[in-house]
């Protein structure tokens, strides 16, 4: 699969190689970030889409985005990511 712009689990931008996760063979994956995917596995396999949305909203609020706007973006983006489809 080709390079994607955001982590297909949490939506984090993947514009820097240092943010990419790793496959089982320790190669880099351009589909998932280092926080979501390491050694070919999800770092938190029990994580739900709803929890990812809440984490995204909380982070966006800390970055000075109004909660309603953050929630709208998260609800429109995260469910469309590969991990949740």
C-alpha atoms as a PDB file:
ATOM      1  CA  UNK A   1       0.000   0.000   0.000  1.00  0.00           C
ATOM      2  CA  UNK A   2       1.222   3.516  -0.729  1.00  0.00           C
ATOM      3  CA  UNK A   3       1.872   6.299   1.711  1.00  0.00           C
ATOM      4  CA  UNK A   4      -1.100   7.799   3.507  1.00  0.00           C
ATOM      5  CA  UNK A   5      -1.287  11.238   5.084  1.00  0.00           C
ATOM      6  CA  UNK A   6      -2.600  10.252   8.514  1.00  0.00           C
ATOM      7  CA  UNK A   7      -2.484   7.291  10.867  1.00  0.00           C
ATOM      8  CA  UNK A   8      -5.243   4.897   9.902  1.00  0.00           C
ATOM      9  CA  UNK A   9      -6.066   4.358  13.569  1.00  0.00           C
ATOM     10  CA  UNK A  10      -5.988   7.771  15.257  1.00  0.00           C
ATOM     11  CA  UNK A  11      -5.642  10.327  12.454  1.00  0.00           C
ATOM     12  CA  UNK A  12      -2.232  11.659  13.548  1.00  0.00           C
ATOM     13  CA  UNK A  13      -0.355  13.316  10.667  1.00  0.00           C
ATOM     14  CA  UNK A  14       2.336  11.043   9.216  1.00  0.00           C
ATOM     15  CA  UNK A  15       4.381  13.737   7.539  1.00  0.00           C
ATOM     16  CA  UNK A  16       7.611  12.691   9.327  1.00  0.00           C
ATOM     17  CA  UNK A  17       9.176   9.236   9.224  1.00  0.00           C
ATOM     18  CA  UNK A  18       9.847   9.465  12.958  1.00  0.00           C
ATOM     19  CA  UNK A  19       6.075   9.285  13.491  1.00  0.00           C
ATOM     20  CA  UNK A  20       5.622   6.037  11.526  1.00  0.00           C
ATOM     21  CA  UNK A  21       4.893   2.776  13.325  1.00  0.00           C
ATOM     22  CA  UNK A  22       6.843  -0.447  12.797  1.00  0.00           C
ATOM     23  CA  UNK A  23       6.028  -3.791  11.225  1.00  0.00           C
ATOM     24  CA  UNK A  24       6.938  -7.169  12.758  1.00  0.00           C
ATOM     25  CA  UNK A  25      10.230  -7.156  10.829  1.00  0.00           C
ATOM     26  CA  UNK A  26      11.053  -3.709  12.308  1.00  0.00           C
ATOM     27  CA  UNK A  27      10.507  -1.956   8.966  1.00  0.00           C
ATOM     28  CA  UNK A  28       8.485   1.264   9.028  1.00  0.00           C
ATOM     29  CA  UNK A  29       4.805   1.318   8.168  1.00  0.00           C
ATOM     30  CA  UNK A  30       3.325   4.389   6.565  1.00  0.00           C
ATOM     31  CA  UNK A  31      -0.226   3.428   7.552  1.00  0.00           C
ATOM     32  CA  UNK A  32      -0.054   3.770  11.333  1.00  0.00           C
ATOM     33  CA  UNK A  33       1.745   6.040  13.791  1.00  0.00           C
ATOM     34  CA  UNK A  34       4.305   4.924  16.356  1.00  0.00           C
ATOM     35  CA  UNK A  35       1.792   5.420  19.159  1.00  0.00           C
ATOM     36  CA  UNK A  36      -0.786   3.065  17.631  1.00  0.00           C
ATOM     37  CA  UNK A  37       1.338   0.397  15.929  1.00  0.00           C
ATOM     38  CA  UNK A  38       4.643  -1.212  16.956  1.00  0.00           C
ATOM     39  CA  UNK A  39       6.257  -4.514  16.002  1.00  0.00           C
ATOM     40  CA  UNK A  40       3.407  -5.343  13.631  1.00  0.00           C
ATOM     41  CA  UNK A  41       0.671  -5.031  16.263  1.00  0.00           C
ATOM     42  CA  UNK A  42      -1.612  -2.373  17.639  1.00  0.00           C
ATOM     43  CA  UNK A  43      -0.208  -1.034  20.904  1.00  0.00           C
ATOM     44  CA  UNK A  44      -3.675  -1.050  22.433  1.00  0.00           C
ATOM     45  CA  UNK A  45      -5.678  -3.809  20.707  1.00  0.00           C
ATOM     46  CA  UNK A  46      -8.686  -3.279  22.991  1.00  0.00           C
ATOM     47  CA  UNK A  47      -9.000   0.403  22.128  1.00  0.00           C
ATOM     48  CA  UNK A  48     -12.404   1.343  20.753  1.00  0.00           C
ATOM     49  CA  UNK A  49     -13.176   3.882  18.080  1.00  0.00           C
ATOM     50  CA  UNK A  50     -15.190   5.851  20.634  1.00  0.00           C
ATOM     51  CA  UNK A  51     -12.148   6.111  22.925  1.00  0.00           C
ATOM     52  CA  UNK A  52      -9.994   7.311  20.020  1.00  0.00           C
ATOM     53  CA  UNK A  53     -12.574   9.984  19.241  1.00  0.00           C
ATOM     54  CA  UNK A  54     -12.592  11.141  22.876  1.00  0.00           C
ATOM     55  CA  UNK A  55      -8.781  11.244  23.002  1.00  0.00           C
ATOM     56  CA  UNK A  56      -8.737  13.253  19.779  1.00  0.00           C
ATOM     57  CA  UNK A  57     -11.284  15.740  21.135  1.00  0.00           C
ATOM     58  CA  UNK A  58      -9.314  16.191  24.369  1.00  0.00           C
ATOM     59  CA  UNK A  59      -6.041  16.749  22.502  1.00  0.00           C
ATOM     60  CA  UNK A  60      -7.670  19.234  20.126  1.00  0.00           C
ATOM     61  CA  UNK A  61      -9.124  21.162  23.053  1.00  0.00           C
ATOM     62  CA  UNK A  62      -5.629  21.452  24.540  1.00  0.00           C
ATOM     63  CA  UNK A  63      -4.549  22.914  21.202  1.00  0.00           C
ATOM     64  CA  UNK A  64      -7.209  25.611  21.633  1.00  0.00           C
ATOM     65  CA  UNK A  65      -9.861  24.173  19.341  1.00  0.00           C
ATOM     66  CA  UNK A  66     -13.447  24.552  20.553  1.00  0.00           C
ATOM     67  CA  UNK A  67     -14.860  21.229  21.733  1.00  0.00           C
ATOM     68  CA  UNK A  68     -17.804  21.225  19.327  1.00  0.00           C
ATOM     69  CA  UNK A  69     -15.505  21.755  16.327  1.00  0.00           C
ATOM     70  CA  UNK A  70     -13.043  19.118  17.604  1.00  0.00           C
ATOM     71  CA  UNK A  71     -15.856  16.610  18.067  1.00  0.00           C
ATOM     72  CA  UNK A  72     -17.256  17.326  14.598  1.00  0.00           C
ATOM     73  CA  UNK A  73     -13.858  16.755  12.967  1.00  0.00           C
ATOM     74  CA  UNK A  74     -13.179  13.576  14.979  1.00  0.00           C
ATOM     75  CA  UNK A  75     -16.628  12.134  14.271  1.00  0.00           C
ATOM     76  CA  UNK A  76     -16.267  12.848  10.555  1.00  0.00           C
ATOM     77  CA  UNK A  77     -12.705  11.538  10.244  1.00  0.00           C
ATOM     78  CA  UNK A  78     -11.918   8.666  12.602  1.00  0.00           C
ATOM     79  CA  UNK A  79     -14.747   6.287  11.598  1.00  0.00           C
ATOM     80  CA  UNK A  80     -13.448   6.420   8.002  1.00  0.00           C
ATOM     81  CA  UNK A  81      -9.929   5.278   8.924  1.00  0.00           C
ATOM     82  CA  UNK A  82      -8.796   1.799   7.907  1.00  0.00           C
ATOM     83  CA  UNK A  83      -8.722   0.379  11.441  1.00  0.00           C
ATOM     84  CA  UNK A  84     -12.384   1.247  12.028  1.00  0.00           C
ATOM     85  CA  UNK A  85     -13.927   0.435   8.626  1.00  0.00           C
END
